[in-house]
Amino acid sequence: MKKVLLTTAFGLALVGAAALPAMAQDAGAGFQAGDILVRGRIIDVVPQEDSSTSVAGGEVAVGNRVAPELDFSYFFSENIAAELILATTKHELDGKGTLTGTSIGDAWIVPPTITLQYHFNPDQAFKPYVGAGLNYSWFWNEKPSAAFNKLEMTGGVGYALQAGFDYKVAENWYFNADIKKIWLNVDASINSGGVTADVDLDPVVVGVGLGYKF
């Protein structure tokens, strides 16, 4: 179901781009060294979790979340840029397997990600790109459910891959669609009785938004 939602979301973004005006203003004026592109996106963070717990047969399910995102791209040349992605999302944790029906709690995650990108078609209105980089995630405001008396989550460093496009719609304004895959392992201590969990979140992040070039 999650894969269907992701495919549908990015497909709608592509359709939206095709429906944009065919004659973007000054399409030939592409990105140049020293340009800064600031984007605001709405993202859907969809964990593709794989987990194990110290409870026999117990697993952890992590809910997806829609949230705003802000990112900044600095162009070293017309093709090469670095992007810093900033967002925070709250996720519900529920039991699976022998823990099915058990609410574990919820937690906020801050997953700043930096990628190095290659941008194609610098002189065209439609400018696709690919990127790769690193993510560092940490958790805050962890709240256990009534069934547990502690929830502590520890994040760390993960890898990220990215693909997307910018489409010029007006002077300095760009429509953007973006998809990222992040590999992230999380350690969770669920209660003071020593129940622990190891969770590979590995989220897919789909976003659409607008950018402004400075």
C-alpha atoms as a PDB file:
ATOM      1  CA  MET A   1       0.000   0.000   0.000  1.00  0.00           C
ATOM      2  CA  LYS A   2       2.855   2.388   0.868  1.00  0.00           C
ATOM      3  CA  LYS A   3       4.489   1.725  -2.517  1.00  0.00           C
ATOM      4  CA  VAL A   4       1.199   2.465  -4.285  1.00  0.00           C
ATOM      5  CA  LEU A   5       0.875   5.777  -2.436  1.00  0.00           C
ATOM      6  CA  LEU A   6       4.450   6.743  -3.316  1.00  0.00           C
ATOM      7  CA  THR A   7       4.001   5.896  -6.990  1.00  0.00           C
ATOM      8  CA  THR A   8       0.713   7.803  -7.106  1.00  0.00           C
ATOM      9  CA  ALA A   9       2.165  10.880  -5.380  1.00  0.00           C
ATOM     10  CA  PHE A  10       5.171  11.177  -7.657  1.00  0.00           C
ATOM     11  CA  GLY A  11       3.037  10.414 -10.709  1.00  0.00           C
ATOM     12  CA  LEU A  12       0.736  13.292  -9.806  1.00  0.00           C
ATOM     13  CA  ALA A  13       3.776  15.556  -9.493  1.00  0.00           C
ATOM     14  CA  LEU A  14       4.881  14.613 -12.998  1.00  0.00           C
ATOM     15  CA  VAL A  15       1.394  15.249 -14.364  1.00  0.00           C
ATOM     16  CA  GLY A  16       1.381  18.623 -12.614  1.00  0.00           C
ATOM     17  CA  ALA A  17       4.659  19.531 -14.259  1.00  0.00           C
ATOM     18  CA  ALA A  18       3.309  18.595 -17.686  1.00  0.00           C
ATOM     19  CA  ALA A  19       0.343  20.884 -17.105  1.00  0.00           C
ATOM     20  CA  LEU A  20       2.553  23.908 -16.386  1.00  0.00           C
ATOM     21  CA  PRO A  21       2.794  26.621 -19.046  1.00  0.00           C
ATOM     22  CA  ALA A  22       4.745  25.383 -22.045  1.00  0.00           C
ATOM     23  CA  MET A  23       6.412  28.764 -22.525  1.00  0.00           C
ATOM     24  CA  ALA A  24       8.157  29.533 -19.253  1.00  0.00           C
ATOM     25  CA  GLN A  25       9.500  33.055 -19.065  1.00  0.00           C
ATOM     26  CA  ASP A  26      13.204  33.369 -19.947  1.00  0.00           C
ATOM     27  CA  ALA A  27      13.699  29.588 -19.843  1.00  0.00           C
ATOM     28  CA  GLY A  28      17.221  29.911 -21.206  1.00  0.00           C
ATOM     29  CA  ALA A  29      18.478  31.722 -18.092  1.00  0.00           C
ATOM     30  CA  GLY A  30      19.567  28.681 -16.096  1.00  0.00           C
ATOM     31  CA  PHE A  31      21.338  28.256 -12.790  1.00  0.00           C
ATOM     32  CA  GLN A  32      24.811  29.724 -12.478  1.00  0.00           C
ATOM     33  CA  ALA A  33      27.697  29.496 -10.021  1.00  0.00           C
ATOM     34  CA  GLY A  34      26.821  31.381  -6.837  1.00  0.00           C
ATOM     35  CA  ASP A  35      23.039  31.037  -7.230  1.00  0.00           C
ATOM     36  CA  ILE A  36      21.009  30.052  -4.157  1.00  0.00           C
ATOM     37  CA  LEU A  37      17.694  28.256  -4.645  1.00  0.00           C
ATOM     38  CA  VAL A  38      15.361  28.221  -1.639  1.00  0.00           C
ATOM     39  CA  ARG A  39      12.452  25.792  -1.805  1.00  0.00           C
ATOM     40  CA  GLY A  40       9.431  25.137   0.348  1.00  0.00           C
ATOM     41  CA  ARG A  41       7.941  21.672  -0.057  1.00  0.00           C
ATOM     42  CA  ILE A  42       5.147  19.565   1.348  1.00  0.00           C
ATOM     43  CA  ILE A  43       6.623  16.130   2.001  1.00  0.00           C
ATOM     44  CA  ASP A  44       5.241  12.696   2.802  1.00  0.00           C
ATOM     45  CA  VAL A  45       7.695  10.697   4.938  1.00  0.00           C
ATOM     46  CA  VAL A  46       6.951   6.996   4.470  1.00  0.00           C
ATOM     47  CA  PRO A  47       9.088   4.640   6.621  1.00  0.00           C
ATOM     48  CA  GLN A  48       9.917   1.302   5.002  1.00  0.00           C
ATOM     49  CA  GLU A  49      10.697  -0.179   8.388  1.00  0.00           C
ATOM     50  CA  ASP A  50      12.257  -3.546   9.201  1.00  0.00           C
ATOM     51  CA  SER A  51      12.412  -4.212  12.932  1.00  0.00           C
ATOM     52  CA  SER A  52      13.042  -6.682  15.705  1.00  0.00           C
ATOM     53  CA  THR A  53      12.408  -6.479  19.459  1.00  0.00           C
ATOM     54  CA  SER A  54      13.468  -8.338  22.571  1.00  0.00           C
ATOM     55  CA  VAL A  55       9.862  -9.645  22.759  1.00  0.00           C
ATOM     56  CA  ALA A  56       9.657 -12.938  20.855  1.00  0.00           C
ATOM     57  CA  GLY A  57       7.844 -12.358  17.571  1.00  0.00           C
ATOM     58  CA  GLY A  58       7.346  -8.654  18.294  1.00  0.00           C
ATOM     59  CA  GLU A  59       8.006  -5.914  15.759  1.00  0.00           C
ATOM     60  CA  VAL A  60       7.513  -2.154  15.479  1.00  0.00           C
ATOM     61  CA  ALA A  61       5.440  -0.334  12.847  1.00  0.00           C
ATOM     62  CA  VAL A  62       6.179   3.358  12.221  1.00  0.00           C
ATOM     63  CA  GLY A  63       3.472   5.545  10.689  1.00  0.00           C
ATOM     64  CA  ASN A  64       4.029   7.919   7.777  1.00  0.00           C
ATOM     65  CA  ARG A  65       3.634  11.678   8.142  1.00  0.00           C
ATOM     66  CA  VAL A  66       2.942  14.690   5.899  1.00  0.00           C
ATOM     67  CA  ALA A  67       4.855  17.837   6.888  1.00  0.00           C
ATOM     68  CA  PRO A  68       6.406  21.060   5.528  1.00  0.00           C
ATOM     69  CA  GLU A  69      10.052  21.095   4.492  1.00  0.00           C
ATOM     70  CA  LEU A  70      12.552  23.878   3.796  1.00  0.00           C
ATOM     71  CA  ASP A  71      15.695  23.378   1.746  1.00  0.00           C
ATOM     72  CA  PHE A  72      18.562  25.451   0.386  1.00  0.00           C
ATOM     73  CA  SER A  73      20.641  24.689  -2.720  1.00  0.00           C
ATOM     74  CA  TYR A  74      23.943  26.422  -3.477  1.00  0.00           C
ATOM     75  CA  PHE A  75      25.239  26.151  -7.049  1.00  0.00           C
ATOM     76  CA  PHE A  76      28.980  25.696  -7.578  1.00  0.00           C
ATOM     77  CA  SER A  77      28.392  25.692 -11.351  1.00  0.00           C
ATOM     78  CA  GLU A  78      25.410  25.467 -13.726  1.00  0.00           C
ATOM     79  CA  ASN A  79      25.322  21.689 -13.128  1.00  0.00           C
ATOM     80  CA  ILE A  80      26.697  21.069  -9.617  1.00  0.00           C
ATOM     81  CA  ALA A  81      24.915  22.070  -6.402  1.00  0.00           C
ATOM     82  CA  ALA A  82      24.760  21.114  -2.725  1.00  0.00           C
ATOM     83  CA  GLU A  83      21.374  20.953  -1.014  1.00  0.00           C
ATOM     84  CA  LEU A  84      20.585  21.131   2.704  1.00  0.00           C
ATOM     85  CA  ILE A  85      17.161  19.745   3.635  1.00  0.00           C
ATOM     86  CA  LEU A  86      15.471  20.754   6.914  1.00  0.00           C
ATOM     87  CA  ALA A  87      12.260  19.323   8.393  1.00  0.00           C
ATOM     88  CA  THR A  88      10.848  17.730  11.524  1.00  0.00           C
ATOM     89  CA  THR A  89       8.095  15.116  11.672  1.00  0.00           C
ATOM     90  CA  LYS A  90       6.148  13.288  14.365  1.00  0.00           C
ATOM     91  CA  HIS A  91       5.619   9.529  13.997  1.00  0.00           C
ATOM     92  CA  GLU A  92       3.377   7.037  15.772  1.00  0.00           C
ATOM     93  CA  LEU A  93       4.920   3.715  16.846  1.00  0.00           C
ATOM     94  CA  ASP A  94       2.710   0.633  17.086  1.00  0.00           C
ATOM     95  CA  GLY A  95       3.369  -3.034  17.686  1.00  0.00           C
ATOM     96  CA  LYS A  96       3.326  -5.757  15.043  1.00  0.00           C
ATOM     97  CA  GLY A  97       3.519  -9.531  15.299  1.00  0.00           C
ATOM     98  CA  THR A  98       3.052 -10.596  18.893  1.00  0.00           C
ATOM     99  CA  LEU A  99       2.763  -6.899  19.812  1.00  0.00           C
ATOM    100  CA  THR A 100      -0.138  -6.275  17.402  1.00  0.00           C
ATOM    101  CA  GLY A 101      -2.736  -3.976  18.948  1.00  0.00           C
ATOM    102  CA  THR A 102      -0.199  -2.370  21.278  1.00  0.00           C
ATOM    103  CA  SER A 103       0.457   1.353  20.992  1.00  0.00           C
ATOM    104  CA  ILE A 104       4.103   2.011  21.826  1.00  0.00           C
ATOM    105  CA  GLY A 105       4.080   5.802  21.707  1.00  0.00           C
ATOM    106  CA  ASP A 106       5.208   8.628  19.460  1.00  0.00           C
ATOM    107  CA  ALA A 107       8.354  10.636  18.794  1.00  0.00           C
ATOM    108  CA  TRP A 108       9.568  13.592  16.757  1.00  0.00           C
ATOM    109  CA  ILE A 109      12.506  13.189  14.398  1.00  0.00           C
ATOM    110  CA  VAL A 110      14.827  15.894  13.023  1.00  0.00           C
ATOM    111  CA  PRO A 111      16.578  14.455   9.941  1.00  0.00           C
ATOM    112  CA  PRO A 112      18.802  17.147   8.341  1.00  0.00           C
ATOM    113  CA  THR A 113      20.178  15.816   5.051  1.00  0.00           C
ATOM    114  CA  ILE A 114      22.830  17.230   2.749  1.00  0.00           C
ATOM    115  CA  THR A 115      23.230  16.019  -0.821  1.00  0.00           C
ATOM    116  CA  LEU A 116      25.555  16.777  -3.708  1.00  0.00           C
ATOM    117  CA  GLN A 117      23.520  17.113  -6.905  1.00  0.00           C
ATOM    118  CA  TYR A 118      24.009  17.059 -10.662  1.00  0.00           C
ATOM    119  CA  HIS A 119      21.501  19.209 -12.586  1.00  0.00           C
ATOM    120  CA  PHE A 120      20.720  18.459 -16.228  1.00  0.00           C
ATOM    121  CA  ASN A 121      19.390  20.820 -18.949  1.00  0.00           C
ATOM    122  CA  PRO A 122      20.816  24.052 -17.512  1.00  0.00           C
ATOM    123  CA  ASP A 123      19.387  26.106 -20.405  1.00  0.00           C
ATOM    124  CA  GLN A 124      15.909  24.556 -20.435  1.00  0.00           C
ATOM    125  CA  ALA A 125      12.792  25.254 -18.393  1.00  0.00           C
ATOM    126  CA  PHE A 126      12.652  21.585 -17.293  1.00  0.00           C
ATOM    127  CA  LYS A 127      15.705  20.827 -15.154  1.00  0.00           C
ATOM    128  CA  PRO A 128      15.936  17.295 -13.701  1.00  0.00           C
ATOM    129  CA  TYR A 129      18.607  16.377 -11.151  1.00  0.00           C
ATOM    130  CA  VAL A 130      20.027  13.482  -9.162  1.00  0.00           C
ATOM    131  CA  GLY A 131      21.858  13.587  -5.860  1.00  0.00           C
ATOM    132  CA  ALA A 132      23.527  11.566  -3.112  1.00  0.00           C
ATOM    133  CA  GLY A 133      24.550  12.468   0.403  1.00  0.00           C
ATOM    134  CA  LEU A 134      24.349  11.932   4.141  1.00  0.00           C
ATOM    135  CA  ASN A 135      21.619  12.190   6.747  1.00  0.00           C
ATOM    136  CA  TYR A 136      21.976  12.650  10.483  1.00  0.00           C
ATOM    137  CA  SER A 137      18.803  12.044  12.500  1.00  0.00           C
ATOM    138  CA  TRP A 138      17.996  12.574  16.125  1.00  0.00           C
ATOM    139  CA  PHE A 139      14.789  12.173  18.105  1.00  0.00           C
ATOM    140  CA  TRP A 140      13.128  14.446  20.609  1.00  0.00           C
ATOM    141  CA  ASN A 141       9.972  14.597  22.735  1.00  0.00           C
ATOM    142  CA  GLU A 142       9.562  10.806  22.832  1.00  0.00           C
ATOM    143  CA  LYS A 143       6.310   9.935  24.588  1.00  0.00           C
ATOM    144  CA  PRO A 144       5.450   6.358  25.587  1.00  0.00           C
ATOM    145  CA  SER A 145       1.883   5.112  25.548  1.00  0.00           C
ATOM    146  CA  ALA A 146       0.086   4.096  28.747  1.00  0.00           C
ATOM    147  CA  ALA A 147       1.371   0.527  28.241  1.00  0.00           C
ATOM    148  CA  PHE A 148       4.997   1.582  28.739  1.00  0.00           C
ATOM    149  CA  ASN A 149       6.819   3.841  31.154  1.00  0.00           C
ATOM    150  CA  LYS A 150       9.745   4.830  28.940  1.00  0.00           C
ATOM    151  CA  LEU A 151      10.489   5.437  25.286  1.00  0.00           C
ATOM    152  CA  GLU A 152      13.986   6.463  24.243  1.00  0.00           C
ATOM    153  CA  MET A 153      15.133   6.473  20.631  1.00  0.00           C
ATOM    154  CA  THR A 154      18.641   6.931  19.299  1.00  0.00           C
ATOM    155  CA  GLY A 155      19.291   7.858  15.676  1.00  0.00           C
ATOM    156  CA  GLY A 156      22.519   8.309  13.776  1.00  0.00           C
ATOM    157  CA  VAL A 157      24.089   8.737  10.368  1.00  0.00           C
ATOM    158  CA  GLY A 158      22.537   7.322   7.202  1.00  0.00           C
ATOM    159  CA  TYR A 159      22.944   7.534   3.450  1.00  0.00           C
ATOM    160  CA  ALA A 160      20.572   9.301   1.054  1.00  0.00           C
ATOM    161  CA  LEU A 161      19.804   9.133  -2.669  1.00  0.00           C
ATOM    162  CA  GLN A 162      17.676  11.725  -4.449  1.00  0.00           C
ATOM    163  CA  ALA A 163      16.035  12.483  -7.788  1.00  0.00           C
ATOM    164  CA  GLY A 164      13.734  15.277  -8.885  1.00  0.00           C
ATOM    165  CA  PHE A 165      13.230  18.239 -11.155  1.00  0.00           C
ATOM    166  CA  ASP A 166      12.741  21.989 -11.156  1.00  0.00           C
ATOM    167  CA  TYR A 167      10.485  23.616 -13.772  1.00  0.00           C
ATOM    168  CA  LYS A 168      10.717  27.345 -14.360  1.00  0.00           C
ATOM    169  CA  VAL A 169       7.268  28.947 -14.171  1.00  0.00           C
ATOM    170  CA  ALA A 170       8.198  32.641 -13.876  1.00  0.00           C
ATOM    171  CA  GLU A 171      11.215  34.864 -13.371  1.00  0.00           C
ATOM    172  CA  ASN A 172      13.247  33.199 -10.580  1.00  0.00           C
ATOM    173  CA  TRP A 173      10.323  30.901  -9.623  1.00  0.00           C
ATOM    174  CA  TYR A 174      10.429  27.102 -10.000  1.00  0.00           C
ATOM    175  CA  PHE A 175       7.979  24.264  -9.449  1.00  0.00           C
ATOM    176  CA  ASN A 176       9.733  21.316  -7.805  1.00  0.00           C
ATOM    177  CA  ALA A 177       9.064  17.606  -7.330  1.00  0.00           C
ATOM    178  CA  ASP A 178      11.519  15.463  -5.422  1.00  0.00           C
ATOM    179  CA  ILE A 179      11.922  11.929  -4.086  1.00  0.00           C
ATOM    180  CA  LYS A 180      14.555  10.733  -1.615  1.00  0.00           C
ATOM    181  CA  LYS A 181      15.493   7.373  -0.143  1.00  0.00           C
ATOM    182  CA  ILE A 182      17.233   7.483   3.241  1.00  0.00           C
ATOM    183  CA  TRP A 183      18.847   4.518   4.984  1.00  0.00           C
ATOM    184  CA  LEU A 184      18.537   4.976   8.746  1.00  0.00           C
ATOM    185  CA  ASN A 185      18.907   2.557  11.660  1.00  0.00           C
ATOM    186  CA  VAL A 186      17.287   3.419  15.018  1.00  0.00           C
ATOM    187  CA  ASP A 187      17.792   1.889  18.481  1.00  0.00           C
ATOM    188  CA  ALA A 188      14.803   2.144  20.821  1.00  0.00           C
ATOM    189  CA  SER A 189      14.480   1.402  24.531  1.00  0.00           C
ATOM    190  CA  ILE A 190      10.782   0.859  25.141  1.00  0.00           C
ATOM    191  CA  ASN A 191      10.449   0.558  28.914  1.00  0.00           C
ATOM    192  CA  SER A 192      12.373   0.269  32.163  1.00  0.00           C
ATOM    193  CA  GLY A 193      11.862  -3.501  32.095  1.00  0.00           C
ATOM    194  CA  GLY A 194      14.549  -3.754  29.437  1.00  0.00           C
ATOM    195  CA  VAL A 195      12.433  -4.202  26.299  1.00  0.00           C
ATOM    196  CA  THR A 196      14.480  -2.988  23.333  1.00  0.00           C
ATOM    197  CA  ALA A 197      13.949  -2.672  19.606  1.00  0.00           C
ATOM    198  CA  ASP A 198      16.173  -2.340  16.576  1.00  0.00           C
ATOM    199  CA  VAL A 199      14.422  -0.543  13.715  1.00  0.00           C
ATOM    200  CA  ASP A 200      15.645   0.146  10.187  1.00  0.00           C
ATOM    201  CA  LEU A 201      13.401   3.087   9.251  1.00  0.00           C
ATOM    202  CA  ASP A 202      14.753   3.520   5.695  1.00  0.00           C
ATOM    203  CA  PRO A 203      12.108   6.133   4.782  1.00  0.00           C
ATOM    204  CA  VAL A 204      11.118   7.260   1.308  1.00  0.00           C
ATOM    205  CA  VAL A 205      10.390  11.005   1.229  1.00  0.00           C
ATOM    206  CA  VAL A 206       8.222  12.407  -1.580  1.00  0.00           C
ATOM    207  CA  GLY A 207       7.794  16.175  -1.889  1.00  0.00           C
ATOM    208  CA  VAL A 208       6.361  18.889  -4.116  1.00  0.00           C
ATOM    209  CA  GLY A 209       6.711  22.638  -3.758  1.00  0.00           C
ATOM    210  CA  LEU A 210       7.999  25.933  -5.075  1.00  0.00           C
ATOM    211  CA  GLY A 211      11.481  27.401  -5.186  1.00  0.00           C
ATOM    212  CA  TYR A 212      12.877  30.919  -5.579  1.00  0.00           C
ATOM    213  CA  LYS A 213      16.346  31.623  -7.009  1.00  0.00           C
ATOM    214  CA  PHE A 214      18.437  34.384  -5.432  1.00  0.00           C
END
